[in-house]
Amino acid sequence: MKKFTTFLVLAALLAIMPGCFTLNARHNRNHMKSFSNDMVRLHQDFDRHFLNYDWDNPNDH
C-alpha cells in the first residue's frame, strides 16, 4: 500500500510540474515543449557556470 501511495504522489507531482493539463492535446503539447526547453536551458546554464562549458561555442576552451 505504501508503494502505491508513493506512486500516486509522484504521478500527481509529475502531472502538475509542467503546468496545467487539459483535454486539448495541442495545449498539453505546448506545455510539455516549454518544460523541455526550460530543462535544456537549465542544463546549459549548469554546464556554463559550473563546468565552464559554452554550448554556443564548444571549441572555445
N, C-alpha and C. Protein backbone atom coordinates (compact mmCIF):
# COMPACT_ATOMS: atom_id res chain seq x y z
N MET A 1 0.83 -1.20 0.00
CA MET A 1 0.00 0.00 0.00
C MET A 1 0.87 1.27 0.00
N LYS A 2 1.98 1.22 0.73
CA LYS A 2 2.85 2.39 0.82
C LYS A 2 3.48 2.71 -0.55
N LYS A 3 3.87 1.67 -1.31
CA LYS A 3 4.44 1.89 -2.63
C LYS A 3 3.41 2.50 -3.58
N PHE A 4 2.18 2.04 -3.49
CA PHE A 4 1.13 2.57 -4.35
C PHE A 4 0.85 4.04 -4.04
N THR A 5 0.82 4.38 -2.78
CA THR A 5 0.60 5.77 -2.38
C THR A 5 1.75 6.65 -2.86
N THR A 6 2.97 6.16 -2.71
CA THR A 6 4.14 6.90 -3.20
C THR A 6 4.05 7.11 -4.70
N PHE A 7 3.65 6.07 -5.43
CA PHE A 7 3.50 6.18 -6.87
C PHE A 7 2.45 7.23 -7.24
N LEU A 8 1.33 7.24 -6.54
CA LEU A 8 0.28 8.22 -6.83
C LEU A 8 0.76 9.65 -6.56
N VAL A 9 1.49 9.84 -5.49
CA VAL A 9 2.00 11.17 -5.17
C VAL A 9 3.00 11.62 -6.24
N LEU A 10 3.91 10.73 -6.64
CA LEU A 10 4.88 11.08 -7.67
C LEU A 10 4.20 11.36 -9.01
N ALA A 11 3.20 10.57 -9.36
CA ALA A 11 2.48 10.79 -10.61
C ALA A 11 1.77 12.14 -10.59
N ALA A 12 1.18 12.49 -9.46
CA ALA A 12 0.50 13.78 -9.35
C ALA A 12 1.49 14.93 -9.47
N LEU A 13 2.65 14.80 -8.85
CA LEU A 13 3.66 15.86 -8.94
C LEU A 13 4.18 16.01 -10.36
N LEU A 14 4.41 14.90 -11.04
CA LEU A 14 4.88 14.98 -12.42
C LEU A 14 3.83 15.58 -13.34
N ALA A 15 2.57 15.35 -13.04
CA ALA A 15 1.50 15.88 -13.88
C ALA A 15 1.36 17.39 -13.74
N ILE A 16 1.65 17.92 -12.56
CA ILE A 16 1.46 19.37 -12.36
C ILE A 16 2.73 20.17 -12.58
N MET A 17 3.90 19.53 -12.68
CA MET A 17 5.15 20.28 -12.84
C MET A 17 5.17 21.15 -14.10
N PRO A 18 4.83 20.62 -15.28
CA PRO A 18 4.94 21.47 -16.47
C PRO A 18 3.82 22.47 -16.62
N GLY A 19 2.83 22.45 -15.80
CA GLY A 19 1.74 23.41 -15.90
C GLY A 19 0.39 22.72 -15.92
N CYS A 20 -0.62 23.43 -16.35
CA CYS A 20 -1.96 22.87 -16.34
C CYS A 20 -2.15 21.90 -17.50
N PHE A 21 -2.89 20.85 -17.27
CA PHE A 21 -3.22 19.89 -18.32
C PHE A 21 -4.71 19.96 -18.59
N THR A 22 -5.07 19.91 -19.85
CA THR A 22 -6.47 19.94 -20.25
C THR A 22 -6.72 18.76 -21.18
N LEU A 23 -7.88 18.71 -21.76
CA LEU A 23 -8.20 17.68 -22.74
C LEU A 23 -7.74 18.10 -24.14
N ASN A 24 -7.22 19.30 -24.28
CA ASN A 24 -6.72 19.80 -25.55
C ASN A 24 -5.28 19.33 -25.74
N ALA A 25 -5.06 18.43 -26.70
CA ALA A 25 -3.74 17.83 -26.90
C ALA A 25 -2.71 18.88 -27.31
N ARG A 26 -3.08 19.83 -28.14
CA ARG A 26 -2.13 20.85 -28.58
C ARG A 26 -1.68 21.72 -27.41
N HIS A 27 -2.61 22.06 -26.54
CA HIS A 27 -2.29 22.86 -25.35
C HIS A 27 -1.31 22.09 -24.45
N ASN A 28 -1.58 20.82 -24.23
CA ASN A 28 -0.70 20.00 -23.40
C ASN A 28 0.68 19.84 -24.04
N ARG A 29 0.71 19.65 -25.35
CA ARG A 29 1.97 19.50 -26.07
C ARG A 29 2.81 20.77 -25.94
N ASN A 30 2.18 21.93 -26.01
CA ASN A 30 2.90 23.20 -25.85
C ASN A 30 3.49 23.33 -24.44
N HIS A 31 2.74 22.88 -23.43
CA HIS A 31 3.27 22.91 -22.06
C HIS A 31 4.48 21.98 -21.94
N MET A 32 4.39 20.79 -22.51
CA MET A 32 5.50 19.85 -22.43
C MET A 32 6.72 20.36 -23.20
N LYS A 33 6.50 21.00 -24.33
CA LYS A 33 7.60 21.57 -25.11
C LYS A 33 8.28 22.69 -24.32
N SER A 34 7.49 23.52 -23.68
CA SER A 34 8.03 24.61 -22.87
C SER A 34 8.83 24.05 -21.69
N PHE A 35 8.31 23.03 -21.04
CA PHE A 35 9.01 22.39 -19.91
C PHE A 35 10.32 21.79 -20.39
N SER A 36 10.30 21.14 -21.54
CA SER A 36 11.51 20.54 -22.10
C SER A 36 12.55 21.61 -22.43
N ASN A 37 12.12 22.71 -23.02
CA ASN A 37 13.03 23.82 -23.32
C ASN A 37 13.64 24.40 -22.05
N ASP A 38 12.84 24.50 -20.99
CA ASP A 38 13.35 25.00 -19.72
C ASP A 38 14.42 24.07 -19.15
N MET A 39 14.21 22.76 -19.27
CA MET A 39 15.19 21.80 -18.77
C MET A 39 16.49 21.86 -19.57
N VAL A 40 16.40 22.07 -20.88
CA VAL A 40 17.60 22.21 -21.71
C VAL A 40 18.37 23.45 -21.29
N ARG A 41 17.67 24.57 -21.10
CA ARG A 41 18.34 25.80 -20.68
C ARG A 41 18.97 25.66 -19.30
N LEU A 42 18.30 24.94 -18.39
CA LEU A 42 18.85 24.69 -17.06
C LEU A 42 20.14 23.88 -17.18
N HIS A 43 20.14 22.86 -18.00
CA HIS A 43 21.31 22.04 -18.23
C HIS A 43 22.46 22.87 -18.81
N GLN A 44 22.15 23.71 -19.79
CA GLN A 44 23.18 24.55 -20.40
C GLN A 44 23.73 25.56 -19.41
N ASP A 45 22.87 26.15 -18.58
CA ASP A 45 23.33 27.11 -17.58
C ASP A 45 24.24 26.43 -16.55
N PHE A 46 23.87 25.23 -16.13
CA PHE A 46 24.69 24.48 -15.18
C PHE A 46 26.07 24.22 -15.79
N ASP A 47 26.09 23.74 -17.03
CA ASP A 47 27.37 23.47 -17.69
C ASP A 47 28.19 24.74 -17.84
N ARG A 48 27.55 25.84 -18.18
CA ARG A 48 28.28 27.09 -18.41
C ARG A 48 28.88 27.63 -17.11
N HIS A 49 28.13 27.59 -16.02
CA HIS A 49 28.59 28.21 -14.78
C HIS A 49 29.47 27.29 -13.93
N PHE A 50 29.19 26.00 -13.93
CA PHE A 50 29.94 25.11 -13.04
C PHE A 50 31.02 24.31 -13.75
N LEU A 51 30.86 24.03 -15.04
CA LEU A 51 31.84 23.23 -15.77
C LEU A 51 32.61 24.05 -16.80
N ASN A 52 32.28 25.33 -16.89
CA ASN A 52 32.93 26.25 -17.82
C ASN A 52 32.85 25.75 -19.27
N TYR A 53 31.70 25.23 -19.64
CA TYR A 53 31.47 24.73 -21.00
C TYR A 53 30.46 25.62 -21.69
N ASP A 54 30.84 26.16 -22.82
CA ASP A 54 29.95 27.06 -23.56
C ASP A 54 29.27 26.30 -24.69
N TRP A 55 27.96 26.14 -24.61
CA TRP A 55 27.21 25.40 -25.62
C TRP A 55 27.19 26.14 -26.94
N ASP A 56 27.29 27.44 -26.92
CA ASP A 56 27.26 28.21 -28.16
C ASP A 56 28.54 28.04 -28.96
N ASN A 57 29.66 27.83 -28.27
CA ASN A 57 30.94 27.66 -28.95
C ASN A 57 31.76 26.59 -28.20
N PRO A 58 31.49 25.30 -28.45
CA PRO A 58 32.17 24.25 -27.69
C PRO A 58 33.67 24.15 -27.98
N ASN A 59 34.15 24.73 -29.07
CA ASN A 59 35.58 24.67 -29.39
C ASN A 59 36.39 25.75 -28.70
N ASP A 60 35.74 26.62 -27.98
CA ASP A 60 36.40 27.74 -27.32
C ASP A 60 36.81 27.34 -25.90
N HIS A 61 37.83 26.49 -25.79
CA HIS A 61 38.34 26.07 -24.47
C HIS A 61 39.79 26.36 -24.34
